[in-house]
Amino acid sequence: MSEKEKMQTEELAKIMDDAKPLGKSALSFMAGFVQGYKEAQSADPAENTGRKEGNEE
C-alpha cells in the first residue's frame, strides 16, 4: 500500500468516526420531527383533507 493510500485510508477512518455521533443526532432529530408531524396531522384532519384535494388538481 502506497503512502498516499495509507493517508486516504486514515482520513476516511477519521471521517467515519466523526460521522457516527452526527448520525445518531440526525436520527434523533428526524424521529422528533416525524412525531411532531404525525401529531399535527391527527390534530386537524380537515386541514389534511384539503391539502390532499389540492394536490390532486
PDB file of N, CA and C in Angstrom:
ATOM      1  N   MET A   1       0.858  -1.176   0.000  1.00  0.00           N
ATOM      2  CA  MET A   1       0.000   0.000   0.000  1.00  0.00           C
ATOM      3  C   MET A   1       0.906   1.241   0.000  1.00  0.00           C
ATOM      4  N   SER A   2       0.637   2.132  -0.906  1.00  0.00           N
ATOM      5  CA  SER A   2       1.469   3.329  -1.010  1.00  0.00           C
ATOM      6  C   SER A   2       1.177   4.297   0.137  1.00  0.00           C
ATOM      7  N   GLU A   3       2.043   5.264   0.307  1.00  0.00           N
ATOM      8  CA  GLU A   3       1.874   6.268   1.356  1.00  0.00           C
ATOM      9  C   GLU A   3       0.579   7.057   1.147  1.00  0.00           C
ATOM     10  N   LYS A   4       0.276   7.359  -0.120  1.00  0.00           N
ATOM     11  CA  LYS A   4      -0.946   8.102  -0.432  1.00  0.00           C
ATOM     12  C   LYS A   4      -2.180   7.287  -0.035  1.00  0.00           C
ATOM     13  N   GLU A   5      -2.185   5.998  -0.332  1.00  0.00           N
ATOM     14  CA  GLU A   5      -3.311   5.133   0.021  1.00  0.00           C
ATOM     15  C   GLU A   5      -3.482   5.033   1.534  1.00  0.00           C
ATOM     16  N   LYS A   6      -2.362   4.968   2.265  1.00  0.00           N
ATOM     17  CA  LYS A   6      -2.429   4.917   3.728  1.00  0.00           C
ATOM     18  C   LYS A   6      -3.055   6.186   4.276  1.00  0.00           C
ATOM     19  N   MET A   7      -2.658   7.339   3.747  1.00  0.00           N
ATOM     20  CA  MET A   7      -3.191   8.613   4.205  1.00  0.00           C
ATOM     21  C   MET A   7      -4.689   8.704   3.912  1.00  0.00           C
ATOM     22  N   GLN A   8      -5.094   8.252   2.715  1.00  0.00           N
ATOM     23  CA  GLN A   8      -6.500   8.285   2.349  1.00  0.00           C
ATOM     24  C   GLN A   8      -7.318   7.367   3.254  1.00  0.00           C
ATOM     25  N   THR A   9      -6.770   6.201   3.568  1.00  0.00           N
ATOM     26  CA  THR A   9      -7.462   5.254   4.438  1.00  0.00           C
ATOM     27  C   THR A   9      -7.624   5.833   5.834  1.00  0.00           C
ATOM     28  N   GLU A  10      -6.555   6.449   6.356  1.00  0.00           N
ATOM     29  CA  GLU A  10      -6.623   7.057   7.686  1.00  0.00           C
ATOM     30  C   GLU A  10      -7.623   8.216   7.703  1.00  0.00           C
ATOM     31  N   GLU A  11      -7.617   8.999   6.644  1.00  0.00           N
ATOM     32  CA  GLU A  11      -8.547  10.126   6.559  1.00  0.00           C
ATOM     33  C   GLU A  11      -9.991   9.626   6.497  1.00  0.00           C
ATOM     34  N   LEU A  12     -10.223   8.590   5.724  1.00  0.00           N
ATOM     35  CA  LEU A  12     -11.561   8.016   5.626  1.00  0.00           C
ATOM     36  C   LEU A  12     -12.013   7.460   6.976  1.00  0.00           C
ATOM     37  N   ALA A  13     -11.110   6.784   7.687  1.00  0.00           N
ATOM     38  CA  ALA A  13     -11.444   6.237   9.003  1.00  0.00           C
ATOM     39  C   ALA A  13     -11.819   7.368   9.961  1.00  0.00           C
ATOM     40  N   LYS A  14     -11.099   8.473   9.914  1.00  0.00           N
ATOM     41  CA  LYS A  14     -11.398   9.619  10.776  1.00  0.00           C
ATOM     42  C   LYS A  14     -12.775  10.196  10.435  1.00  0.00           C
ATOM     43  N   ILE A  15     -13.073  10.322   9.161  1.00  0.00           N
ATOM     44  CA  ILE A  15     -14.370  10.852   8.729  1.00  0.00           C
ATOM     45  C   ILE A  15     -15.497   9.935   9.217  1.00  0.00           C
ATOM     46  N   MET A  16     -15.292   8.640   9.089  1.00  0.00           N
ATOM     47  CA  MET A  16     -16.311   7.681   9.531  1.00  0.00           C
ATOM     48  C   MET A  16     -16.539   7.775  11.033  1.00  0.00           C
ATOM     49  N   ASP A  17     -15.470   7.912  11.805  1.00  0.00           N
ATOM     50  CA  ASP A  17     -15.595   8.045  13.257  1.00  0.00           C
ATOM     51  C   ASP A  17     -16.332   9.319  13.616  1.00  0.00           C
ATOM     52  N   ASP A  18     -16.032  10.398  12.929  1.00  0.00           N
ATOM     53  CA  ASP A  18     -16.691  11.677  13.196  1.00  0.00           C
ATOM     54  C   ASP A  18     -18.167  11.638  12.807  1.00  0.00           C
ATOM     55  N   ALA A  19     -18.513  10.836  11.822  1.00  0.00           N
ATOM     56  CA  ALA A  19     -19.878  10.795  11.314  1.00  0.00           C
ATOM     57  C   ALA A  19     -20.820  10.022  12.243  1.00  0.00           C
ATOM     58  N   LYS A  20     -20.308   9.122  13.043  1.00  0.00           N
ATOM     59  CA  LYS A  20     -21.171   8.301  13.892  1.00  0.00           C
ATOM     60  C   LYS A  20     -22.023   9.135  14.845  1.00  0.00           C
ATOM     61  N   PRO A  21     -21.453  10.064  15.627  1.00  0.00           N
ATOM     62  CA  PRO A  21     -22.302  10.862  16.516  1.00  0.00           C
ATOM     63  C   PRO A  21     -23.305  11.722  15.746  1.00  0.00           C
ATOM     64  N   LEU A  22     -22.889  12.235  14.610  1.00  0.00           N
ATOM     65  CA  LEU A  22     -23.779  13.045  13.789  1.00  0.00           C
ATOM     66  C   LEU A  22     -24.972  12.212  13.326  1.00  0.00           C
ATOM     67  N   GLY A  23     -24.721  10.969  12.955  1.00  0.00           N
ATOM     68  CA  GLY A  23     -25.789  10.092  12.507  1.00  0.00           C
ATOM     69  C   GLY A  23     -26.830   9.871  13.587  1.00  0.00           C
ATOM     70  N   LYS A  24     -26.365   9.672  14.818  1.00  0.00           N
ATOM     71  CA  LYS A  24     -27.294   9.475  15.926  1.00  0.00           C
ATOM     72  C   LYS A  24     -28.103  10.739  16.179  1.00  0.00           C
ATOM     73  N   SER A  25     -27.438  11.885  16.097  1.00  0.00           N
ATOM     74  CA  SER A  25     -28.137  13.154  16.310  1.00  0.00           C
ATOM     75  C   SER A  25     -29.182  13.373  15.228  1.00  0.00           C
ATOM     76  N   ALA A  26     -28.804  13.085  13.993  1.00  0.00           N
ATOM     77  CA  ALA A  26     -29.727  13.273  12.877  1.00  0.00           C
ATOM     78  C   ALA A  26     -30.939  12.354  13.021  1.00  0.00           C
ATOM     79  N   LEU A  27     -30.700  11.113  13.450  1.00  0.00           N
ATOM     80  CA  LEU A  27     -31.818  10.185  13.635  1.00  0.00           C
ATOM     81  C   LEU A  27     -32.738  10.664  14.752  1.00  0.00           C
ATOM     82  N   SER A  28     -32.163  11.172  15.831  1.00  0.00           N
ATOM     83  CA  SER A  28     -32.983  11.687  16.930  1.00  0.00           C
ATOM     84  C   SER A  28     -33.813  12.871  16.465  1.00  0.00           C
ATOM     85  N   PHE A  29     -33.186  13.758  15.702  1.00  0.00           N
ATOM     86  CA  PHE A  29     -33.904  14.925  15.181  1.00  0.00           C
ATOM     87  C   PHE A  29     -35.051  14.493  14.278  1.00  0.00           C
ATOM     88  N   MET A  30     -34.777  13.569  13.365  1.00  0.00           N
ATOM     89  CA  MET A  30     -35.814  13.125  12.432  1.00  0.00           C
ATOM     90  C   MET A  30     -36.944  12.409  13.174  1.00  0.00           C
ATOM     91  N   ALA A  31     -36.619  11.633  14.190  1.00  0.00           N
ATOM     92  CA  ALA A  31     -37.664  10.947  14.955  1.00  0.00           C
ATOM     93  C   ALA A  31     -38.579  11.975  15.623  1.00  0.00           C
ATOM     94  N   GLY A  32     -38.001  13.017  16.189  1.00  0.00           N
ATOM     95  CA  GLY A  32     -38.793  14.073  16.806  1.00  0.00           C
ATOM     96  C   GLY A  32     -39.635  14.816  15.790  1.00  0.00           C
ATOM     97  N   PHE A  33     -39.044  15.079  14.629  1.00  0.00           N
ATOM     98  CA  PHE A  33     -39.753  15.786  13.569  1.00  0.00           C
ATOM     99  C   PHE A  33     -40.946  14.959  13.079  1.00  0.00           C
ATOM    100  N   VAL A  34     -40.730  13.678  12.848  1.00  0.00           N
ATOM    101  CA  VAL A  34     -41.806  12.800  12.366  1.00  0.00           C
ATOM    102  C   VAL A  34     -42.914  12.704  13.409  1.00  0.00           C
ATOM    103  N   GLN A  35     -42.539  12.591  14.675  1.00  0.00           N
ATOM    104  CA  GLN A  35     -43.550  12.509  15.729  1.00  0.00           C
ATOM    105  C   GLN A  35     -44.372  13.794  15.774  1.00  0.00           C
ATOM    106  N   GLY A  36     -43.722  14.931  15.686  1.00  0.00           N
ATOM    107  CA  GLY A  36     -44.438  16.206  15.678  1.00  0.00           C
ATOM    108  C   GLY A  36     -45.346  16.341  14.468  1.00  0.00           C
ATOM    109  N   TYR A  37     -44.874  15.878  13.325  1.00  0.00           N
ATOM    110  CA  TYR A  37     -45.673  15.942  12.098  1.00  0.00           C
ATOM    111  C   TYR A  37     -46.918  15.073  12.224  1.00  0.00           C
ATOM    112  N   LYS A  38     -46.750  13.878  12.765  1.00  0.00           N
ATOM    113  CA  LYS A  38     -47.902  12.985  12.942  1.00  0.00           C
ATOM    114  C   LYS A  38     -48.911  13.585  13.908  1.00  0.00           C
ATOM    115  N   GLU A  39     -48.422  14.205  14.992  1.00  0.00           N
ATOM    116  CA  GLU A  39     -49.321  14.834  15.955  1.00  0.00           C
ATOM    117  C   GLU A  39     -50.085  15.986  15.304  1.00  0.00           C
ATOM    118  N   ALA A  40     -49.396  16.755  14.471  1.00  0.00           N
ATOM    119  CA  ALA A  40     -50.043  17.877  13.791  1.00  0.00           C
ATOM    120  C   ALA A  40     -51.113  17.380  12.831  1.00  0.00           C
ATOM    121  N   GLN A  41     -50.857  16.289  12.137  1.00  0.00           N
ATOM    122  CA  GLN A  41     -51.852  15.736  11.214  1.00  0.00           C
ATOM    123  C   GLN A  41     -53.072  15.228  11.963  1.00  0.00           C
ATOM    124  N   SER A  42     -52.877  14.545  13.073  1.00  0.00           N
ATOM    125  CA  SER A  42     -54.009  13.995  13.817  1.00  0.00           C
ATOM    126  C   SER A  42     -54.794  15.090  14.535  1.00  0.00           C
ATOM    127  N   ALA A  43     -54.178  16.238  14.772  1.00  0.00           N
ATOM    128  CA  ALA A  43     -54.863  17.330  15.467  1.00  0.00           C
ATOM    129  C   ALA A  43     -55.896  18.013  14.581  1.00  0.00           C
ATOM    130  N   ASP A  44     -55.673  18.068  13.271  1.00  0.00           N
ATOM    131  CA  ASP A  44     -56.584  18.782  12.373  1.00  0.00           C
ATOM    132  C   ASP A  44     -56.785  17.983  11.080  1.00  0.00           C
ATOM    133  N   PRO A  45     -57.555  16.912  11.123  1.00  0.00           N
ATOM    134  CA  PRO A  45     -57.740  16.081   9.928  1.00  0.00           C
ATOM    135  C   PRO A  45     -58.442  16.808   8.780  1.00  0.00           C
ATOM    136  N   ALA A  46     -59.276  17.796   9.056  1.00  0.00           N
ATOM    137  CA  ALA A  46     -59.957  18.521   7.980  1.00  0.00           C
ATOM    138  C   ALA A  46     -58.947  19.280   7.129  1.00  0.00           C
ATOM    139  N   GLU A  47     -57.941  19.841   7.768  1.00  0.00           N
ATOM    140  CA  GLU A  47     -56.909  20.579   7.032  1.00  0.00           C
ATOM    141  C   GLU A  47     -56.134  19.638   6.115  1.00  0.00           C
ATOM    142  N   ASN A  48     -55.862  18.424   6.576  1.00  0.00           N
ATOM    143  CA  ASN A  48     -55.131  17.456   5.763  1.00  0.00           C
ATOM    144  C   ASN A  48     -55.940  17.042   4.539  1.00  0.00           C
ATOM    145  N   THR A  49     -57.262  16.910   4.687  1.00  0.00           N
ATOM    146  CA  THR A  49     -58.109  16.544   3.561  1.00  0.00           C
ATOM    147  C   THR A  49     -58.057  17.630   2.498  1.00  0.00           C
ATOM    148  N   GLY A  50     -58.066  18.876   2.922  1.00  0.00           N
ATOM    149  CA  GLY A  50     -57.977  19.990   1.985  1.00  0.00           C
ATOM    150  C   GLY A  50     -56.678  19.964   1.214  1.00  0.00           C
ATOM    151  N   ARG A  51     -55.598  19.638   1.873  1.00  0.00           N
ATOM    152  CA  ARG A  51     -54.301  19.566   1.198  1.00  0.00           C
ATOM    153  C   ARG A  51     -54.296  18.451   0.159  1.00  0.00           C
ATOM    154  N   LYS A  52     -54.876  17.314   0.504  1.00  0.00           N
ATOM    155  CA  LYS A  52     -54.889  16.192  -0.424  1.00  0.00           C
ATOM    156  C   LYS A  52     -55.685  16.538  -1.681  1.00  0.00           C
ATOM    157  N   GLU A  53     -56.825  17.197  -1.511  1.00  0.00           N
ATOM    158  CA  GLU A  53     -57.624  17.585  -2.666  1.00  0.00           C
ATOM    159  C   GLU A  53     -56.876  18.576  -3.528  1.00  0.00           C
ATOM    160  N   GLY A  54     -56.145  19.486  -2.890  1.00  0.00           N
ATOM    161  CA  GLY A  54     -55.376  20.482  -3.634  1.00  0.00           C
ATOM    162  C   GLY A  54     -54.271  19.858  -4.444  1.00  0.00           C
ATOM    163  N   ASN A  55     -53.678  18.797  -3.927  1.00  0.00           N
ATOM    164  CA  ASN A  55     -52.588  18.115  -4.640  1.00  0.00           C
ATOM    165  C   ASN A  55     -53.096  17.331  -5.831  1.00  0.00           C
ATOM    166  N   GLU A  56     -54.327  16.895  -5.800  1.00  0.00           N
ATOM    167  CA  GLU A  56     -54.864  16.092  -6.897  1.00  0.00           C
ATOM    168  C   GLU A  56     -55.163  16.923  -8.132  1.00  0.00           C
ATOM    169  N   GLU A  57     -55.377  18.203  -7.959  1.00  0.00           N
ATOM    170  CA  GLU A  57     -55.757  19.053  -9.099  1.00  0.00           C
ATOM    171  C   GLU A  57     -54.644  19.226 -10.083  1.00  0.00           C
TER     172      GLU A  57
END
